[in-house]
Protein backbone atom coordinates (compact mmCIF):
# COMPACT_ATOMS: atom_id res chain seq x y z
CA UNK A 1 0.10 0.25 0.20
CA UNK A 2 3.10 2.40 1.08
CA UNK A 3 4.79 1.63 -2.48
CA UNK A 4 1.46 2.21 -4.23
CA UNK A 5 1.20 5.89 -2.77
CA UNK A 6 4.87 6.38 -3.76
CA UNK A 7 3.97 5.32 -7.43
CA UNK A 8 0.74 7.29 -7.27
CA UNK A 9 3.09 10.57 -6.85
CA UNK A 10 5.04 9.31 -9.99
CA UNK A 11 1.80 9.09 -11.83
CA UNK A 12 0.80 12.46 -10.68
CA UNK A 13 4.29 13.74 -12.30
CA UNK A 14 3.67 11.91 -15.41
CA UNK A 15 0.23 13.62 -15.76
CA UNK A 16 1.50 16.94 -15.21
CA UNK A 17 4.25 16.51 -17.74
CA UNK A 18 1.83 14.91 -20.44
CA UNK A 19 -0.36 18.06 -20.09
CA UNK A 20 2.49 20.60 -21.54
CA UNK A 21 4.11 18.10 -23.74
CA UNK A 22 1.90 14.76 -24.89
CA UNK A 23 4.24 12.46 -26.91
CA UNK A 24 4.80 8.93 -27.95
CA UNK A 25 8.11 9.15 -26.24
CA UNK A 26 6.76 10.25 -22.85
CA UNK A 27 9.62 9.76 -20.39
CA UNK A 28 12.23 9.73 -23.28
CA UNK A 29 11.26 12.80 -24.13
CA UNK A 30 10.48 14.77 -20.88
CA UNK A 31 13.70 14.19 -19.29
CA UNK A 32 15.63 15.17 -22.59
CA UNK A 33 13.74 18.48 -22.34
CA UNK A 34 14.62 19.00 -18.88
CA UNK A 35 17.78 17.16 -17.97
CA UNK A 36 19.74 16.91 -21.81
CA UNK A 37 19.73 14.17 -24.27
CA UNK A 38 22.13 12.02 -22.41
CA UNK A 39 19.73 11.31 -19.54
CA UNK A 40 16.50 11.41 -21.76
CA UNK A 41 18.39 8.76 -24.25
CA UNK A 42 19.10 6.36 -21.05
CA UNK A 43 15.54 7.16 -19.81
CA UNK A 44 13.96 5.99 -23.08
CA UNK A 45 16.60 3.02 -23.36
CA UNK A 46 15.31 1.83 -19.81
CA UNK A 47 12.01 1.59 -21.33
CA UNK A 48 12.89 -0.52 -24.01
CA UNK A 49 14.79 -2.94 -21.62
CA UNK A 50 12.02 -3.18 -19.50
CA UNK A 51 9.71 -3.64 -21.73
CA UNK A 52 11.41 -6.73 -23.26
CA UNK A 53 12.24 -8.08 -20.10
CA UNK A 54 8.64 -7.78 -18.89
CA UNK A 55 7.90 -9.86 -21.67
CA UNK A 56 9.29 -13.02 -20.37
CA UNK A 57 7.93 -12.48 -16.90
CA UNK A 58 4.29 -11.98 -18.66
CA UNK A 59 4.22 -14.42 -21.35
CA UNK A 60 5.50 -17.52 -19.19
CA UNK A 61 2.65 -17.01 -16.49
CA UNK A 62 0.22 -16.70 -19.59
CA UNK A 63 1.45 -20.10 -20.91
CA UNK A 64 1.62 -21.78 -17.53
CA UNK A 65 -2.17 -20.36 -16.74
CA UNK A 66 -2.89 -21.92 -20.20
CA UNK A 67 -1.61 -25.15 -20.07
CA UNK A 68 -3.03 -25.48 -16.22
CA UNK A 69 -6.66 -24.92 -17.48
CA UNK A 70 -5.99 -27.96 -20.06
CA UNK A 71 -4.07 -29.93 -17.49
CA UNK A 72 -4.39 -28.78 -13.87
CA UNK A 73 -2.27 -31.90 -12.19
CA UNK A 74 0.58 -31.82 -14.77
CA UNK A 75 3.68 -29.92 -14.35
CA UNK A 76 4.25 -28.24 -17.84
CA UNK A 77 7.60 -29.40 -19.85
CA UNK A 78 9.84 -26.32 -20.45
CA UNK A 79 9.71 -26.82 -24.02
CA UNK A 80 6.03 -26.90 -24.27
CA UNK A 81 5.75 -23.78 -22.06
CA UNK A 82 7.84 -21.84 -24.06
CA UNK A 83 5.86 -22.77 -27.06
CA UNK A 84 2.76 -21.55 -26.05
CA UNK A 85 4.65 -18.51 -24.46
CA UNK A 86 5.54 -18.13 -28.14
CA UNK A 87 2.33 -18.47 -29.37
CA UNK A 88 0.94 -15.67 -27.01
CA UNK A 89 3.59 -13.26 -27.93
CA UNK A 90 2.60 -13.50 -31.64
CA UNK A 91 -1.32 -13.12 -30.90
CA UNK A 92 -0.78 -10.30 -28.63
CA UNK A 93 1.70 -8.42 -31.21
CA UNK A 94 -0.88 -9.17 -34.03
CA UNK A 95 -3.32 -7.61 -32.26
CA UNK A 96 -1.67 -4.61 -31.18
CA UNK A 97 -0.30 -4.16 -34.75
CA UNK A 98 -3.80 -3.59 -35.97
CA UNK A 99 -4.19 -0.42 -33.92
CA UNK A 100 -4.69 1.15 -30.43
CA UNK A 101 -8.54 1.47 -31.03
CA UNK A 102 -8.82 -2.42 -31.37
CA UNK A 103 -6.33 -3.30 -28.70
CA UNK A 104 -8.20 -0.83 -26.46
CA UNK A 105 -11.48 -2.64 -26.91
CA UNK A 106 -10.23 -5.87 -26.11
CA UNK A 107 -8.16 -4.82 -22.98
CA UNK A 108 -11.56 -3.24 -21.80
CA UNK A 109 -13.49 -6.47 -22.32
CA UNK A 110 -10.37 -8.23 -20.47
CA UNK A 111 -10.05 -5.62 -17.52
CA UNK A 112 -13.68 -5.56 -16.63
CA UNK A 113 -14.17 -9.46 -16.68
CA UNK A 114 -10.99 -9.76 -14.49
CA UNK A 115 -12.28 -7.18 -12.10
CA UNK A 116 -15.97 -9.16 -12.13
CA UNK A 117 -13.75 -12.31 -11.22
CA UNK A 118 -11.78 -10.80 -8.68
CA UNK A 119 -14.62 -9.42 -7.00
CA UNK A 120 -16.36 -12.40 -7.04
CA UNK A 121 -13.47 -14.42 -5.43
CA UNK A 122 -13.29 -11.81 -2.74
CA UNK A 123 -16.97 -11.57 -1.72
CA UNK A 124 -17.12 -15.48 -1.86
CA UNK A 125 -14.01 -15.43 0.39
CA UNK A 126 -15.52 -13.48 3.31
CA UNK A 127 -18.20 -15.70 4.55
CA UNK A 128 -16.24 -18.95 4.13
CA UNK A 129 -13.50 -17.16 6.28
CA UNK A 130 -15.87 -16.30 8.80
CA UNK A 131 -17.59 -19.66 8.73
CA UNK A 132 -14.35 -21.48 8.93
CA UNK A 133 -13.02 -19.16 11.80
CA UNK A 134 -9.77 -18.41 9.51
CA UNK A 135 -6.72 -17.18 11.47
CA UNK A 136 -6.08 -13.26 11.83
CA UNK A 137 -3.97 -11.72 10.05
CA UNK A 138 -0.60 -10.77 11.67
CA UNK A 139 -0.95 -7.00 11.48
CA UNK A 140 2.94 -6.86 12.33
CA UNK A 141 3.64 -8.05 8.75
CA UNK A 142 2.62 -4.22 7.54
CA UNK A 143 5.30 -2.81 10.20
CA UNK A 144 8.59 -1.77 8.86
CA UNK A 145 10.11 -2.61 12.44
CA UNK A 146 12.68 -5.16 12.18
CA UNK A 147 13.46 -4.92 8.73
CA UNK A 148 16.87 -5.07 7.50
CA UNK A 149 18.04 -2.80 4.22
CA UNK A 150 18.17 -5.84 2.04
CA UNK A 151 14.76 -7.12 2.92
CA UNK A 152 13.64 -3.19 2.37
CA UNK A 153 15.41 -3.13 -1.22
CA UNK A 154 13.94 -6.71 -2.18
CA UNK A 155 10.45 -5.68 -1.24
CA UNK A 156 10.86 -2.32 -2.93
CA UNK A 157 11.84 -4.01 -6.34
CA UNK A 158 8.69 -6.39 -6.09
CA UNK A 159 6.36 -3.59 -5.43
CA UNK A 160 7.89 -1.61 -8.44
CA UNK A 161 7.31 -4.79 -10.47
CA UNK A 162 3.79 -5.34 -9.26
CA UNK A 163 2.78 -1.38 -10.06
CA UNK A 164 4.72 -0.84 -13.13
CA UNK A 165 2.91 -0.46 -16.57
CA UNK A 166 0.55 1.97 -16.00
CA UNK A 167 2.48 4.68 -17.75
CA UNK A 168 1.76 3.27 -21.06
CA UNK A 169 -1.41 5.39 -21.65
CA UNK A 170 1.02 8.26 -21.64
CA UNK A 171 3.24 6.82 -24.79
CA UNK A 172 -0.48 6.63 -26.70
CA UNK A 173 -1.40 10.40 -25.69
CA UNK A 174 -0.80 11.23 -29.61
CA UNK A 175 -3.11 8.83 -30.62
CA UNK A 176 -6.16 9.19 -28.00
CA UNK A 177 -8.70 11.65 -28.25
CA UNK A 178 -7.78 14.46 -25.92
CA UNK A 179 -4.71 12.52 -25.02
CA UNK A 180 -3.38 15.91 -23.30
CA UNK A 181 -5.89 15.29 -20.46
CA UNK A 182 -7.23 11.88 -21.00
CA UNK A 183 -4.01 9.92 -20.80
CA UNK A 184 -2.68 11.33 -17.48
CA UNK A 185 -5.91 10.60 -15.88
CA UNK A 186 -6.15 7.07 -17.27
CA UNK A 187 -2.66 6.60 -15.82
CA UNK A 188 -3.54 8.23 -12.29
CA UNK A 189 -6.85 6.19 -12.32
CA UNK A 190 -5.00 2.89 -12.81
CA UNK A 191 -2.74 3.50 -10.20
CA UNK A 192 -5.71 3.95 -7.55
CA UNK A 193 -7.41 0.99 -9.07
CA UNK A 194 -4.00 -1.36 -8.57
CA UNK A 195 -3.68 -0.18 -5.17
CA UNK A 196 -7.05 -1.18 -4.41
CA UNK A 197 -7.05 -4.70 -5.97
CA UNK A 198 -3.48 -5.36 -4.69
CA UNK A 199 -4.07 -4.43 -1.14
CA UNK A 200 -7.27 -6.23 -1.03
CA UNK A 201 -6.16 -9.62 -2.47
CA UNK A 202 -2.95 -9.33 -0.37
CA UNK A 203 -5.07 -9.41 3.10
CA UNK A 204 -7.13 -12.23 1.45
CA UNK A 205 -4.16 -14.17 0.67
CA UNK A 206 -2.43 -13.66 4.29
CA UNK A 207 -5.71 -14.65 6.17
CA UNK A 208 -6.15 -17.61 3.90
CA UNK A 209 -2.85 -19.57 3.57
CA UNK A 210 0.06 -19.47 6.08
CA UNK A 211 3.78 -18.44 5.07
CA UNK A 212 4.70 -21.94 4.20
CA UNK A 213 1.99 -22.33 1.76
CA UNK A 214 2.33 -18.58 0.07
CA UNK A 215 6.08 -19.49 -0.34
CA UNK A 216 5.01 -22.81 -2.15
CA UNK A 217 2.58 -21.13 -4.46
CA UNK A 218 4.99 -19.16 -6.04
CA UNK A 219 3.47 -17.31 -9.39
CA UNK A 220 0.46 -19.23 -8.82
CA UNK A 221 -0.56 -17.35 -5.69
CA UNK A 222 -4.36 -16.07 -6.98
CA UNK A 223 -4.87 -19.76 -7.77
CA UNK A 224 -3.90 -21.29 -4.55
CA UNK A 225 -6.24 -19.05 -2.68
CA UNK A 226 -9.07 -19.34 -4.82
CA UNK A 227 -8.26 -23.30 -4.39
CA UNK A 228 -8.43 -23.03 -0.77
CA UNK A 229 -11.47 -21.18 -0.81
CA UNK A 230 -13.78 -22.25 -3.78
CA UNK A 231 -14.61 -25.77 -4.82
CA UNK A 232 -13.39 -27.30 -8.27
CA UNK A 233 -14.07 -26.18 -10.67
CA UNK A 234 -14.84 -22.63 -9.84
CA UNK A 235 -11.38 -22.14 -8.56
CA UNK A 236 -10.10 -22.27 -11.97
CA UNK A 237 -11.54 -18.89 -12.78
CA UNK A 238 -8.69 -17.69 -10.91
CA UNK A 239 -6.46 -19.10 -13.64
CA UNK A 240 -8.59 -17.57 -16.10
CA UNK A 241 -7.66 -14.03 -14.25
CA UNK A 242 -4.19 -14.74 -14.24
CA UNK A 243 -4.24 -15.63 -18.26
CA UNK A 244 -6.49 -12.64 -18.98
CA UNK A 245 -4.27 -10.21 -16.73
CA UNK A 246 -0.82 -11.04 -18.14
CA UNK A 247 -1.96 -11.18 -21.69
CA UNK A 248 -3.33 -7.61 -21.20
CA UNK A 249 0.10 -6.39 -19.49
CA UNK A 250 1.73 -7.94 -22.41
CA UNK A 251 -0.23 -5.92 -25.18
CA UNK A 252 0.12 -2.58 -23.17
CA UNK A 253 3.99 -3.48 -23.03
CA UNK A 254 4.44 -4.20 -26.94
CA UNK A 255 2.26 -0.70 -27.30
CA UNK A 256 4.83 1.07 -25.15
CA UNK A 257 7.94 -0.66 -26.52
CA UNK A 258 6.88 0.16 -30.19
CA UNK A 259 5.94 4.05 -29.54
CA UNK A 260 9.18 4.58 -27.45
CA UNK A 261 11.28 3.01 -30.20
CA UNK A 262 9.03 5.15 -32.92
CA UNK A 263 9.52 8.31 -30.77
CA UNK A 264 13.47 7.98 -30.14
CA UNK A 265 13.77 7.49 -34.12
CA UNK A 266 11.45 10.29 -34.91
CA UNK A 267 13.48 12.29 -32.49
CA UNK A 268 16.72 11.21 -34.43
CA UNK A 269 18.53 9.22 -32.02
CA UNK A 270 17.71 6.18 -33.59
CA UNK A 271 17.68 4.72 -37.09
CA UNK A 272 15.19 6.11 -39.07
CA UNK A 273 13.60 2.98 -40.02
CA UNK A 274 11.93 2.51 -36.43
CA UNK A 275 9.48 5.42 -37.11
CA UNK A 276 8.06 3.39 -40.08
CA UNK A 277 4.34 2.95 -40.10
CA UNK A 278 2.24 0.10 -41.21
CA UNK A 279 0.52 1.34 -44.72
CA UNK A 280 -2.96 0.14 -43.46
CA UNK A 281 -3.27 0.29 -39.64
CA UNK A 282 -0.99 3.32 -39.24
CA UNK A 283 1.19 1.79 -36.25
CA UNK A 284 5.10 1.13 -35.86
CA UNK A 285 5.24 -2.08 -37.71
CA UNK A 286 9.06 -2.22 -37.75
CA UNK A 287 9.20 -1.62 -33.99
CA UNK A 288 6.21 -4.09 -33.23
CA UNK A 289 8.26 -6.83 -35.28
CA UNK A 290 11.75 -5.78 -33.33
CA UNK A 291 9.89 -6.73 -30.07
CA UNK A 292 8.43 -10.00 -31.09
CA UNK A 293 11.97 -10.77 -32.32
CA UNK A 294 13.76 -9.79 -29.02
CA UNK A 295 10.88 -11.62 -27.14
CA UNK A 296 11.33 -14.75 -29.06
CA UNK A 297 15.07 -14.79 -28.45
CA UNK A 298 14.78 -14.23 -24.91
CA UNK A 299 12.26 -16.85 -24.29
CA UNK A 300 14.59 -19.45 -26.19
CA UNK A 301 17.33 -18.41 -24.28
CA UNK A 302 14.94 -18.94 -20.93
CA UNK A 303 15.08 -22.35 -21.40
CA UNK A 304 18.78 -23.03 -20.94
CA UNK A 305 17.76 -21.95 -17.04
CA UNK A 306 15.20 -24.78 -17.04
CA UNK A 307 13.73 -23.23 -13.95
CA UNK A 308 10.73 -20.79 -14.59
CA UNK A 309 10.80 -19.66 -11.27
CA UNK A 310 14.27 -18.47 -11.56
CA UNK A 311 13.73 -16.79 -14.74
CA UNK A 312 10.79 -14.96 -13.21
CA UNK A 313 12.82 -13.77 -10.02
CA UNK A 314 15.61 -12.50 -12.43
CA UNK A 315 13.19 -10.58 -14.87
CA UNK A 316 11.16 -9.05 -11.53
CA UNK A 317 14.47 -8.02 -10.38
CA UNK A 318 15.70 -6.26 -13.52
CA UNK A 319 12.52 -4.78 -14.10
CA UNK A 320 12.09 -3.16 -10.84
CA UNK A 321 15.78 -1.72 -10.97
CA UNK A 322 14.90 -0.29 -14.70
CA UNK A 323 11.59 1.06 -13.93
CA UNK A 324 13.12 2.75 -10.75
CA UNK A 325 15.51 4.53 -12.74
CA UNK A 326 13.33 5.79 -15.47
CA UNK A 327 10.40 6.84 -12.88
CA UNK A 328 12.76 8.62 -10.64
CA UNK A 329 14.27 10.37 -13.54
CA UNK A 330 10.80 11.51 -14.75
CA UNK A 331 9.65 12.20 -11.30
CA UNK A 332 12.76 14.87 -10.78
CA UNK A 333 12.03 15.85 -14.30
CA UNK A 334 8.55 17.20 -13.10
CA UNK A 335 9.54 18.62 -9.90
CA UNK A 336 12.37 20.68 -11.86
CA UNK A 337 10.27 21.46 -14.71
CA UNK A 338 7.52 23.00 -12.41
CA UNK A 339 9.71 24.57 -9.78
CA UNK A 340 8.61 27.95 -10.50
CA UNK A 341 4.75 27.17 -10.30
CA UNK A 342 5.48 25.53 -6.67
CA UNK A 343 3.64 26.99 -3.81
CA UNK A 344 3.87 26.88 -0.11
CA UNK A 345 6.94 26.97 2.50
CA UNK A 346 9.05 24.31 0.72
CA UNK A 347 8.48 26.19 -2.88
CA UNK A 348 11.84 27.98 -2.47
CA UNK A 349 13.93 24.28 -2.37
CA UNK A 350 12.67 23.74 -6.03
């Protein structure tokens, strides 16, 4: 929850910068304008790296959820898991290549279905928890007392990964009706929804499972909670939620990567080929194709680790660090750009 509030501040910074300069490059453009081309280039580069890394952390859970629906008791082979992940990558990239309007309609339907299913899980869980005299949560888990530096940093990296992705709406400001206002408001609203959903789900997990069960659940935490609360086959709805959420996140990541690459090319810091648009759908087709190629290569390389949990842990850590870099730079860029408009007793500091 506290991490969400910090991220909400960054979302407000993105919203403010977007009001002044809506651009497909978003963080890349704003940091370049305020702190110069070097930091701007690095900020945009972090967005691209984070997007490619997130592809692995999104497609693998989506593939795992897909196979779990087909064979709930079977442990998927790494090769089969990678093939399904590649299939999802191709399907989602094809969807986003058709344009923002098509992707937005599909995304809206998926999000509505996800929230409905999550609400059903939470509402169904409450009376079952009371009737079963579920153990009370240990509220000390929400305290920072007794934490060492390593624990705090690990938690911060995971929190960054959880709340990452809302800024994609700013990359689509040029393609959005009244994008100067709408894109920023969408980002802030997305952060508020994420804070609410994660806080509720984590609270339900804490009162449903013990620490050992939570650790054993790994990336299947939602399914484990649902399986403990709901009878089969209703608990399988949680798998659908995981699959839809990861596929939706992959779609937005594809959009963010292609628009950032397009903006950097248009700005003259990358080869002009990346600003090429599809003749029919008017989307950055070369940039989208590059995302598919890099994503496929990363998935194939992940086979060498032979451990999905390890792949996800590496990806989550890298995404947290990369996103912290460009989120932080953009937050400082907003503070510095708006320093003369600041009011209050601390205004002179800006």
